[in-house]
Amino acid sequence: MTLNIKQQSANVSTTGQIALQDIPQIKAMGFRSIIINRPDGEAGGLHPQSETVRRVAGESGLAVVYLPVIPNAISNEQVKAFAEAVAASQGPVLAWIFHE
């Protein structure tokens, strides 16, 4: 799968669907953390579950934060949690969101 990464700021980039096989490439690109904004079970379970991503990414030295959101229903608390996760990261963050 080809990653469609879009840089949003100096420390945050976003991507749509990732596969577990993409994690070494994500690490090699210099990312230090992944924030998963897609809910577990989305698309009938076609996406890897957050705990699986956490385990595989952890084996590669990447931190993972699971902050699921529903498009057009994002709360102020979720925005604050996202900002806090970015601020707490040790380097560039890749947010796994809904664009493709």
PDB file of N, CA and C in Angstrom:
ATOM      1  N   MET A   1       0.851  -1.187   0.000  1.00  0.00           N
ATOM      2  CA  MET A   1       0.000   0.000   0.000  1.00  0.00           C
ATOM      3  C   MET A   1       0.889   1.239   0.000  1.00  0.00           C
ATOM      4  N   THR A   2       0.527   2.222  -0.767  1.00  0.00           N
ATOM      5  CA  THR A   2       1.252   3.475  -0.792  1.00  0.00           C
ATOM      6  C   THR A   2       0.640   4.411   0.231  1.00  0.00           C
ATOM      7  N   LEU A   3       1.482   4.939   1.104  1.00  0.00           N
ATOM      8  CA  LEU A   3       1.000   5.880   2.105  1.00  0.00           C
ATOM      9  C   LEU A   3       0.749   7.239   1.459  1.00  0.00           C
ATOM     10  N   ASN A   4      -0.350   7.858   1.810  1.00  0.00           N
ATOM     11  CA  ASN A   4      -0.704   9.180   1.320  1.00  0.00           C
ATOM     12  C   ASN A   4      -0.554  10.146   2.495  1.00  0.00           C
ATOM     13  N   ILE A   5       0.684  10.538   2.776  1.00  0.00           N
ATOM     14  CA  ILE A   5       0.983  11.371   3.947  1.00  0.00           C
ATOM     15  C   ILE A   5       0.963  12.838   3.548  1.00  0.00           C
ATOM     16  N   LYS A   6       0.259  13.627   4.364  1.00  0.00           N
ATOM     17  CA  LYS A   6       0.171  15.069   4.148  1.00  0.00           C
ATOM     18  C   LYS A   6       0.690  15.777   5.390  1.00  0.00           C
ATOM     19  N   GLN A   7       1.699  16.624   5.215  1.00  0.00           N
ATOM     20  CA  GLN A   7       2.251  17.369   6.346  1.00  0.00           C
ATOM     21  C   GLN A   7       1.305  18.513   6.697  1.00  0.00           C
ATOM     22  N   GLN A   8       0.891  18.560   7.960  1.00  0.00           N
ATOM     23  CA  GLN A   8      -0.041  19.584   8.422  1.00  0.00           C
ATOM     24  C   GLN A   8       0.670  20.713   9.168  1.00  0.00           C
ATOM     25  N   SER A   9       1.772  20.383   9.845  1.00  0.00           N
ATOM     26  CA  SER A   9       2.576  21.353  10.573  1.00  0.00           C
ATOM     27  C   SER A   9       3.986  20.784  10.691  1.00  0.00           C
ATOM     28  N   ALA A  10       4.856  21.485  11.376  1.00  0.00           N
ATOM     29  CA  ALA A  10       6.234  21.007  11.520  1.00  0.00           C
ATOM     30  C   ALA A  10       6.309  19.668  12.235  1.00  0.00           C
ATOM     31  N   ASN A  11       5.339  19.378  13.090  1.00  0.00           N
ATOM     32  CA  ASN A  11       5.396  18.170  13.922  1.00  0.00           C
ATOM     33  C   ASN A  11       4.264  17.179  13.663  1.00  0.00           C
ATOM     34  N   VAL A  12       3.306  17.520  12.808  1.00  0.00           N
ATOM     35  CA  VAL A  12       2.147  16.652  12.595  1.00  0.00           C
ATOM     36  C   VAL A  12       1.896  16.437  11.111  1.00  0.00           C
ATOM     37  N   SER A  13       1.772  15.164  10.753  1.00  0.00           N
ATOM     38  CA  SER A  13       1.342  14.774   9.414  1.00  0.00           C
ATOM     39  C   SER A  13       0.142  13.862   9.567  1.00  0.00           C
ATOM     40  N   THR A  14      -0.628  13.726   8.496  1.00  0.00           N
ATOM     41  CA  THR A  14      -1.803  12.870   8.529  1.00  0.00           C
ATOM     42  C   THR A  14      -1.756  11.892   7.366  1.00  0.00           C
ATOM     43  N   THR A  15      -2.459  10.796   7.546  1.00  0.00           N
ATOM     44  CA  THR A  15      -2.592   9.804   6.492  1.00  0.00           C
ATOM     45  C   THR A  15      -3.935   9.119   6.638  1.00  0.00           C
ATOM     46  N   GLY A  16      -4.383   8.538   5.553  1.00  0.00           N
ATOM     47  CA  GLY A  16      -5.567   7.700   5.599  1.00  0.00           C
ATOM     48  C   GLY A  16      -5.161   6.300   6.031  1.00  0.00           C
ATOM     49  N   GLN A  17      -5.731   5.312   5.426  1.00  0.00           N
ATOM     50  CA  GLN A  17      -5.505   3.910   5.788  1.00  0.00           C
ATOM     51  C   GLN A  17      -4.021   3.540   5.826  1.00  0.00           C
ATOM     52  N   ILE A  18      -3.610   2.872   6.899  1.00  0.00           N
ATOM     53  CA  ILE A  18      -2.291   2.255   6.949  1.00  0.00           C
ATOM     54  C   ILE A  18      -2.470   0.757   7.169  1.00  0.00           C
ATOM     55  N   ALA A  19      -1.469   0.014   6.785  1.00  0.00           N
ATOM     56  CA  ALA A  19      -1.439  -1.430   7.029  1.00  0.00           C
ATOM     57  C   ALA A  19      -0.292  -1.708   7.990  1.00  0.00           C
ATOM     58  N   LEU A  20      -0.350  -2.832   8.668  1.00  0.00           N
ATOM     59  CA  LEU A  20       0.717  -3.181   9.603  1.00  0.00           C
ATOM     60  C   LEU A  20       2.072  -3.209   8.902  1.00  0.00           C
ATOM     61  N   GLN A  21       2.084  -3.602   7.634  1.00  0.00           N
ATOM     62  CA  GLN A  21       3.331  -3.651   6.875  1.00  0.00           C
ATOM     63  C   GLN A  21       3.922  -2.264   6.641  1.00  0.00           C
ATOM     64  N   ASP A  22       3.128  -1.201   6.807  1.00  0.00           N
ATOM     65  CA  ASP A  22       3.596   0.166   6.602  1.00  0.00           C
ATOM     66  C   ASP A  22       4.401   0.690   7.791  1.00  0.00           C
ATOM     67  N   ILE A  23       4.306   0.041   8.920  1.00  0.00           N
ATOM     68  CA  ILE A  23       4.916   0.575  10.145  1.00  0.00           C
ATOM     69  C   ILE A  23       6.429   0.737  10.021  1.00  0.00           C
ATOM     70  N   PRO A  24       7.183  -0.221   9.466  1.00  0.00           N
ATOM     71  CA  PRO A  24       8.626   0.027   9.313  1.00  0.00           C
ATOM     72  C   PRO A  24       8.928   1.242   8.434  1.00  0.00           C
ATOM     73  N   GLN A  25       8.133   1.454   7.381  1.00  0.00           N
ATOM     74  CA  GLN A  25       8.324   2.625   6.522  1.00  0.00           C
ATOM     75  C   GLN A  25       8.019   3.904   7.301  1.00  0.00           C
ATOM     76  N   ILE A  26       6.974   3.890   8.104  1.00  0.00           N
ATOM     77  CA  ILE A  26       6.614   5.051   8.918  1.00  0.00           C
ATOM     78  C   ILE A  26       7.768   5.390   9.855  1.00  0.00           C
ATOM     79  N   LYS A  27       8.340   4.394  10.491  1.00  0.00           N
ATOM     80  CA  LYS A  27       9.487   4.589  11.380  1.00  0.00           C
ATOM     81  C   LYS A  27      10.674   5.142  10.587  1.00  0.00           C
ATOM     82  N   ALA A  28      10.953   4.557   9.418  1.00  0.00           N
ATOM     83  CA  ALA A  28      12.093   4.989   8.601  1.00  0.00           C
ATOM     84  C   ALA A  28      11.939   6.433   8.118  1.00  0.00           C
ATOM     85  N   MET A  29      10.704   6.904   8.009  1.00  0.00           N
ATOM     86  CA  MET A  29      10.448   8.273   7.585  1.00  0.00           C
ATOM     87  C   MET A  29      10.687   9.277   8.711  1.00  0.00           C
ATOM     88  N   GLY A  30      10.983   8.778   9.904  1.00  0.00           N
ATOM     89  CA  GLY A  30      11.312   9.653  11.021  1.00  0.00           C
ATOM     90  C   GLY A  30      10.196   9.904  12.013  1.00  0.00           C
ATOM     91  N   PHE A  31       9.038   9.304  11.805  1.00  0.00           N
ATOM     92  CA  PHE A  31       7.955   9.490  12.766  1.00  0.00           C
ATOM     93  C   PHE A  31       8.299   8.775  14.063  1.00  0.00           C
ATOM     94  N   ARG A  32       7.865   9.358  15.167  1.00  0.00           N
ATOM     95  CA  ARG A  32       8.118   8.780  16.484  1.00  0.00           C
ATOM     96  C   ARG A  32       6.844   8.283  17.146  1.00  0.00           C
ATOM     97  N   SER A  33       5.699   8.780  16.666  1.00  0.00           N
ATOM     98  CA  SER A  33       4.405   8.429  17.255  1.00  0.00           C
ATOM     99  C   SER A  33       3.339   8.322  16.177  1.00  0.00           C
ATOM    100  N   ILE A  34       2.349   7.474  16.461  1.00  0.00           N
ATOM    101  CA  ILE A  34       1.156   7.360  15.629  1.00  0.00           C
ATOM    102  C   ILE A  34      -0.038   7.655  16.519  1.00  0.00           C
ATOM    103  N   ILE A  35      -0.905   8.537  16.067  1.00  0.00           N
ATOM    104  CA  ILE A  35      -2.170   8.772  16.756  1.00  0.00           C
ATOM    105  C   ILE A  35      -3.262   8.179  15.876  1.00  0.00           C
ATOM    106  N   ILE A  36      -3.980   7.217  16.425  1.00  0.00           N
ATOM    107  CA  ILE A  36      -5.061   6.562  15.677  1.00  0.00           C
ATOM    108  C   ILE A  36      -6.366   7.278  15.989  1.00  0.00           C
ATOM    109  N   ASN A  37      -6.940   7.921  14.971  1.00  0.00           N
ATOM    110  CA  ASN A  37      -8.220   8.595  15.145  1.00  0.00           C
ATOM    111  C   ASN A  37      -9.387   7.784  14.603  1.00  0.00           C
ATOM    112  N   ARG A  38      -9.106   6.659  13.972  1.00  0.00           N
ATOM    113  CA  ARG A  38     -10.178   5.810  13.441  1.00  0.00           C
ATOM    114  C   ARG A  38     -10.648   4.842  14.523  1.00  0.00           C
ATOM    115  N   PRO A  39     -11.951   4.694  14.711  1.00  0.00           N
ATOM    116  CA  PRO A  39     -12.464   3.761  15.722  1.00  0.00           C
ATOM    117  C   PRO A  39     -12.187   2.307  15.344  1.00  0.00           C
ATOM    118  N   ASP A  40     -11.899   1.489  16.350  1.00  0.00           N
ATOM    119  CA  ASP A  40     -11.789   0.046  16.114  1.00  0.00           C
ATOM    120  C   ASP A  40     -13.104  -0.454  15.529  1.00  0.00           C
ATOM    121  N   GLY A  41     -13.022  -1.397  14.599  1.00  0.00           N
ATOM    122  CA  GLY A  41     -14.216  -1.989  14.005  1.00  0.00           C
ATOM    123  C   GLY A  41     -14.773  -1.220  12.833  1.00  0.00           C
ATOM    124  N   GLU A  42     -14.161  -0.073  12.509  1.00  0.00           N
ATOM    125  CA  GLU A  42     -14.624   0.706  11.373  1.00  0.00           C
ATOM    126  C   GLU A  42     -14.470  -0.112  10.090  1.00  0.00           C
ATOM    127  N   ALA A  43     -15.343   0.090   9.155  1.00  0.00           N
ATOM    128  CA  ALA A  43     -15.312  -0.597   7.852  1.00  0.00           C
ATOM    129  C   ALA A  43     -15.401  -2.106   8.014  1.00  0.00           C
ATOM    130  N   GLY A  44     -16.194  -2.528   8.967  1.00  0.00           N
ATOM    131  CA  GLY A  44     -16.418  -3.959   9.138  1.00  0.00           C
ATOM    132  C   GLY A  44     -15.194  -4.744   9.547  1.00  0.00           C
ATOM    133  N   GLY A  45     -14.262  -4.086  10.225  1.00  0.00           N
ATOM    134  CA  GLY A  45     -13.075  -4.778  10.702  1.00  0.00           C
ATOM    135  C   GLY A  45     -11.974  -4.927   9.665  1.00  0.00           C
ATOM    136  N   LEU A  46     -12.050  -4.177   8.560  1.00  0.00           N
ATOM    137  CA  LEU A  46     -11.011  -4.266   7.531  1.00  0.00           C
ATOM    138  C   LEU A  46      -9.703  -3.609   7.957  1.00  0.00           C
ATOM    139  N   HIS A  47      -9.769  -2.682   8.904  1.00  0.00           N
ATOM    140  CA  HIS A  47      -8.577  -1.995   9.393  1.00  0.00           C
ATOM    141  C   HIS A  47      -8.021  -2.748  10.600  1.00  0.00           C
ATOM    142  N   PRO A  48      -6.699  -2.691  10.812  1.00  0.00           N
ATOM    143  CA  PRO A  48      -6.154  -3.347  12.004  1.00  0.00           C
ATOM    144  C   PRO A  48      -6.666  -2.677  13.275  1.00  0.00           C
ATOM    145  N   GLN A  49      -6.876  -3.474  14.304  1.00  0.00           N
ATOM    146  CA  GLN A  49      -7.345  -2.966  15.596  1.00  0.00           C
ATOM    147  C   GLN A  49      -6.237  -2.164  16.276  1.00  0.00           C
ATOM    148  N   SER A  50      -6.613  -1.206  17.101  1.00  0.00           N
ATOM    149  CA  SER A  50      -5.644  -0.316  17.741  1.00  0.00           C
ATOM    150  C   SER A  50      -4.621  -1.088  18.579  1.00  0.00           C
ATOM    151  N   GLU A  51      -5.034  -2.111  19.280  1.00  0.00           N
ATOM    152  CA  GLU A  51      -4.086  -2.870  20.106  1.00  0.00           C
ATOM    153  C   GLU A  51      -3.064  -3.606  19.241  1.00  0.00           C
ATOM    154  N   THR A  52      -3.460  -4.072  18.082  1.00  0.00           N
ATOM    155  CA  THR A  52      -2.524  -4.724  17.170  1.00  0.00           C
ATOM    156  C   THR A  52      -1.522  -3.705  16.638  1.00  0.00           C
ATOM    157  N   VAL A  53      -2.008  -2.523  16.260  1.00  0.00           N
ATOM    158  CA  VAL A  53      -1.116  -1.463  15.795  1.00  0.00           C
ATOM    159  C   VAL A  53      -0.162  -1.081  16.923  1.00  0.00           C
ATOM    160  N   ARG A  54      -0.672  -0.948  18.135  1.00  0.00           N
ATOM    161  CA  ARG A  54       0.164  -0.581  19.288  1.00  0.00           C
ATOM    162  C   ARG A  54       1.282  -1.608  19.480  1.00  0.00           C
ATOM    163  N   ARG A  55       0.957  -2.885  19.388  1.00  0.00           N
ATOM    164  CA  ARG A  55       1.949  -3.938  19.589  1.00  0.00           C
ATOM    165  C   ARG A  55       3.009  -3.910  18.492  1.00  0.00           C
ATOM    166  N   VAL A  56       2.580  -3.882  17.229  1.00  0.00           N
ATOM    167  CA  VAL A  56       3.520  -3.910  16.105  1.00  0.00           C
ATOM    168  C   VAL A  56       4.359  -2.631  16.071  1.00  0.00           C
ATOM    169  N   ALA A  57       3.727  -1.489  16.274  1.00  0.00           N
ATOM    170  CA  ALA A  57       4.463  -0.222  16.276  1.00  0.00           C
ATOM    171  C   ALA A  57       5.439  -0.172  17.452  1.00  0.00           C
ATOM    172  N   GLY A  58       5.021  -0.669  18.603  1.00  0.00           N
ATOM    173  CA  GLY A  58       5.900  -0.703  19.772  1.00  0.00           C
ATOM    174  C   GLY A  58       7.149  -1.522  19.516  1.00  0.00           C
ATOM    175  N   GLU A  59       7.007  -2.613  18.776  1.00  0.00           N
ATOM    176  CA  GLU A  59       8.160  -3.430  18.418  1.00  0.00           C
ATOM    177  C   GLU A  59       9.135  -2.668  17.529  1.00  0.00           C
ATOM    178  N   SER A  60       8.644  -1.650  16.826  1.00  0.00           N
ATOM    179  CA  SER A  60       9.485  -0.807  15.982  1.00  0.00           C
ATOM    180  C   SER A  60       9.947   0.454  16.700  1.00  0.00           C
ATOM    181  N   GLY A  61       9.560   0.620  17.957  1.00  0.00           N
ATOM    182  CA  GLY A  61       9.969   1.792  18.720  1.00  0.00           C
ATOM    183  C   GLY A  61       9.077   3.001  18.557  1.00  0.00           C
ATOM    184  N   LEU A  62       7.888   2.806  18.009  1.00  0.00           N
ATOM    185  CA  LEU A  62       6.942   3.907  17.850  1.00  0.00           C
ATOM    186  C   LEU A  62       5.921   3.901  18.989  1.00  0.00           C
ATOM    187  N   ALA A  63       5.613   5.074  19.483  1.00  0.00           N
ATOM    188  CA  ALA A  63       4.536   5.212  20.466  1.00  0.00           C
ATOM    189  C   ALA A  63       3.217   5.286  19.710  1.00  0.00           C
ATOM    190  N   VAL A  64       2.147   4.801  20.344  1.00  0.00           N
ATOM    191  CA  VAL A  64       0.818   4.850  19.731  1.00  0.00           C
ATOM    192  C   VAL A  64      -0.176   5.380  20.749  1.00  0.00           C
ATOM    193  N   VAL A  65      -0.994   6.321  20.302  1.00  0.00           N
ATOM    194  CA  VAL A  65      -2.087   6.864  21.107  1.00  0.00           C
ATOM    195  C   VAL A  65      -3.379   6.576  20.347  1.00  0.00           C
ATOM    196  N   TYR A  66      -4.355   6.019  21.039  1.00  0.00           N
ATOM    197  CA  TYR A  66      -5.650   5.711  20.429  1.00  0.00           C
ATOM    198  C   TYR A  66      -6.653   6.759  20.870  1.00  0.00           C
ATOM    199  N   LEU A  67      -7.059   7.635  19.946  1.00  0.00           N
ATOM    200  CA  LEU A  67      -8.037   8.694  20.191  1.00  0.00           C
ATOM    201  C   LEU A  67      -9.107   8.631  19.098  1.00  0.00           C
ATOM    202  N   PRO A  68     -10.013   7.667  19.178  1.00  0.00           N
ATOM    203  CA  PRO A  68     -11.010   7.521  18.108  1.00  0.00           C
ATOM    204  C   PRO A  68     -11.991   8.686  18.076  1.00  0.00           C
ATOM    205  N   VAL A  69     -12.311   9.110  16.862  1.00  0.00           N
ATOM    206  CA  VAL A  69     -13.300  10.164  16.668  1.00  0.00           C
ATOM    207  C   VAL A  69     -14.231   9.776  15.528  1.00  0.00           C
ATOM    208  N   ILE A  70     -15.380  10.391  15.520  1.00  0.00           N
ATOM    209  CA  ILE A  70     -16.350  10.226  14.443  1.00  0.00           C
ATOM    210  C   ILE A  70     -16.350  11.533  13.648  1.00  0.00           C
ATOM    211  N   PRO A  71     -16.127  11.480  12.332  1.00  0.00           N
ATOM    212  CA  PRO A  71     -16.130  12.719  11.546  1.00  0.00           C
ATOM    213  C   PRO A  71     -17.409  13.522  11.771  1.00  0.00           C
ATOM    214  N   ASN A  72     -17.271  14.812  11.812  1.00  0.00           N
ATOM    215  CA  ASN A  72     -18.375  15.754  12.015  1.00  0.00           C
ATOM    216  C   ASN A  72     -19.012  15.656  13.390  1.00  0.00           C
ATOM    217  N   ALA A  73     -18.362  14.940  14.316  1.00  0.00           N
ATOM    218  CA  ALA A  73     -18.871  14.845  15.685  1.00  0.00           C
ATOM    219  C   ALA A  73     -17.709  14.902  16.682  1.00  0.00           C
ATOM    220  N   ILE A  74     -16.670  15.652  16.341  1.00  0.00           N
ATOM    221  CA  ILE A  74     -15.491  15.740  17.190  1.00  0.00           C
ATOM    222  C   ILE A  74     -15.745  16.759  18.297  1.00  0.00           C
ATOM    223  N   SER A  75     -15.510  16.331  19.527  1.00  0.00           N
ATOM    224  CA  SER A  75     -15.769  17.197  20.679  1.00  0.00           C
ATOM    225  C   SER A  75     -14.547  18.049  21.015  1.00  0.00           C
ATOM    226  N   ASN A  76     -14.776  19.100  21.788  1.00  0.00           N
ATOM    227  CA  ASN A  76     -13.679  19.937  22.261  1.00  0.00           C
ATOM    228  C   ASN A  76     -12.702  19.129  23.107  1.00  0.00           C
ATOM    229  N   GLU A  77     -13.221  18.164  23.856  1.00  0.00           N
ATOM    230  CA  GLU A  77     -12.367  17.315  24.684  1.00  0.00           C
ATOM    231  C   GLU A  77     -11.442  16.460  23.816  1.00  0.00           C
ATOM    232  N   GLN A  78     -11.951  15.979  22.691  1.00  0.00           N
ATOM    233  CA  GLN A  78     -11.120  15.185  21.779  1.00  0.00           C
ATOM    234  C   GLN A  78     -10.042  16.051  21.122  1.00  0.00           C
ATOM    235  N   VAL A  79     -10.380  17.282  20.783  1.00  0.00           N
ATOM    236  CA  VAL A  79      -9.399  18.206  20.216  1.00  0.00           C
ATOM    237  C   VAL A  79      -8.306  18.467  21.243  1.00  0.00           C
ATOM    238  N   LYS A  80      -8.695  18.698  22.478  1.00  0.00           N
ATOM    239  CA  LYS A  80      -7.723  18.934  23.555  1.00  0.00           C
ATOM    240  C   LYS A  80      -6.844  17.699  23.762  1.00  0.00           C
ATOM    241  N   ALA A  81      -7.424  16.516  23.773  1.00  0.00           N
ATOM    242  CA  ALA A  81      -6.656  15.280  23.948  1.00  0.00           C
ATOM    243  C   ALA A  81      -5.658  15.096  22.811  1.00  0.00           C
ATOM    244  N   PHE A  82      -6.055  15.428  21.583  1.00  0.00           N
ATOM    245  CA  PHE A  82      -5.159  15.333  20.440  1.00  0.00           C
ATOM    246  C   PHE A  82      -3.985  16.294  20.619  1.00  0.00           C
ATOM    247  N   ALA A  83      -4.275  17.531  20.980  1.00  0.00           N
ATOM    248  CA  ALA A  83      -3.217  18.528  21.184  1.00  0.00           C
ATOM    249  C   ALA A  83      -2.265  18.079  22.287  1.00  0.00           C
ATOM    250  N   GLU A  84      -2.801  17.513  23.356  1.00  0.00           N
ATOM    251  CA  GLU A  84      -1.958  17.027  24.452  1.00  0.00           C
ATOM    252  C   GLU A  84      -1.088  15.854  23.997  1.00  0.00           C
ATOM    253  N   ALA A  85      -1.633  14.963  23.172  1.00  0.00           N
ATOM    254  CA  ALA A  85      -0.854  13.823  22.671  1.00  0.00           C
ATOM    255  C   ALA A  85       0.285  14.309  21.780  1.00  0.00           C
ATOM    256  N   VAL A  86       0.018  15.301  20.945  1.00  0.00           N
ATOM    257  CA  VAL A  86       1.070  15.855  20.089  1.00  0.00           C
ATOM    258  C   VAL A  86       2.141  16.519  20.951  1.00  0.00           C
ATOM    259  N   ALA A  87       1.719  17.297  21.935  1.00  0.00           N
ATOM    260  CA  ALA A  87       2.670  17.996  22.803  1.00  0.00           C
ATOM    261  C   ALA A  87       3.537  17.017  23.596  1.00  0.00           C
ATOM    262  N   ALA A  88       2.991  15.879  23.954  1.00  0.00           N
ATOM    263  CA  ALA A  88       3.727  14.886  24.750  1.00  0.00           C
ATOM    264  C   ALA A  88       4.626  13.991  23.899  1.00  0.00           C
ATOM    265  N   SER A  89       4.496  14.068  22.589  1.00  0.00           N
ATOM    266  CA  SER A  89       5.275  13.189  21.711  1.00  0.00           C
ATOM    267  C   SER A  89       6.744  13.598  21.715  1.00  0.00           C
ATOM    268  N   GLN A  90       7.584  12.645  21.373  1.00  0.00           N
ATOM    269  CA  GLN A  90       9.028  12.874  21.339  1.00  0.00           C
ATOM    270  C   GLN A  90       9.533  13.190  19.937  1.00  0.00           C
ATOM    271  N   GLY A  91       8.676  13.528  19.047  1.00  0.00           N
ATOM    272  CA  GLY A  91       9.105  13.831  17.687  1.00  0.00           C
ATOM    273  C   GLY A  91       7.924  13.890  16.755  1.00  0.00           C
ATOM    274  N   PRO A  92       8.160  13.815  15.467  1.00  0.00           N
ATOM    275  CA  PRO A  92       7.055  13.921  14.516  1.00  0.00           C
ATOM    276  C   PRO A  92       5.965  12.875  14.745  1.00  0.00           C
ATOM    277  N   VAL A  93       4.731  13.319  14.591  1.00  0.00           N
ATOM    278  CA  VAL A  93       3.546  12.495  14.819  1.00  0.00           C
ATOM    279  C   VAL A  93       2.847  12.244  13.485  1.00  0.00           C
ATOM    280  N   LEU A  94       2.416  10.999  13.284  1.00  0.00           N
ATOM    281  CA  LEU A  94       1.584  10.662  12.135  1.00  0.00           C
ATOM    282  C   LEU A  94       0.198  10.324  12.660  1.00  0.00           C
ATOM    283  N   ALA A  95      -0.782  11.125  12.295  1.00  0.00           N
ATOM    284  CA  ALA A  95      -2.163  10.890  12.712  1.00  0.00           C
ATOM    285  C   ALA A  95      -2.876  10.095  11.616  1.00  0.00           C
ATOM    286  N   TRP A  96      -3.447   8.998  12.002  1.00  0.00           N
ATOM    287  CA  TRP A  96      -4.175   8.106  11.084  1.00  0.00           C
ATOM    288  C   TRP A  96      -5.636   8.544  11.140  1.00  0.00           C
ATOM    289  N   ILE A  97      -6.051   9.295  10.121  1.00  0.00           N
ATOM    290  CA  ILE A  97      -7.382   9.905  10.143  1.00  0.00           C
ATOM    291  C   ILE A  97      -8.216   9.388   8.984  1.00  0.00           C
ATOM    292  N   PHE A  98      -9.133  10.176   8.493  1.00  0.00           N
ATOM    293  CA  PHE A  98     -10.135   9.705   7.551  1.00  0.00           C
ATOM    294  C   PHE A  98      -9.898  10.072   6.106  1.00  0.00           C
ATOM    295  N   HIS A  99      -8.918  10.932   5.802  1.00  0.00           N
ATOM    296  CA  HIS A  99      -8.708  11.255   4.378  1.00  0.00           C
ATOM    297  C   HIS A  99      -7.941  10.125   3.704  1.00  0.00           C
ATOM    298  N   GLU A 100      -8.074  10.017   2.428  1.00  0.00           N
ATOM    299  CA  GLU A 100      -7.334   9.006   1.647  1.00  0.00           C
ATOM    300  C   GLU A 100      -6.487   9.686   0.620  1.00  0.00           C
TER     301      GLU A 100
END
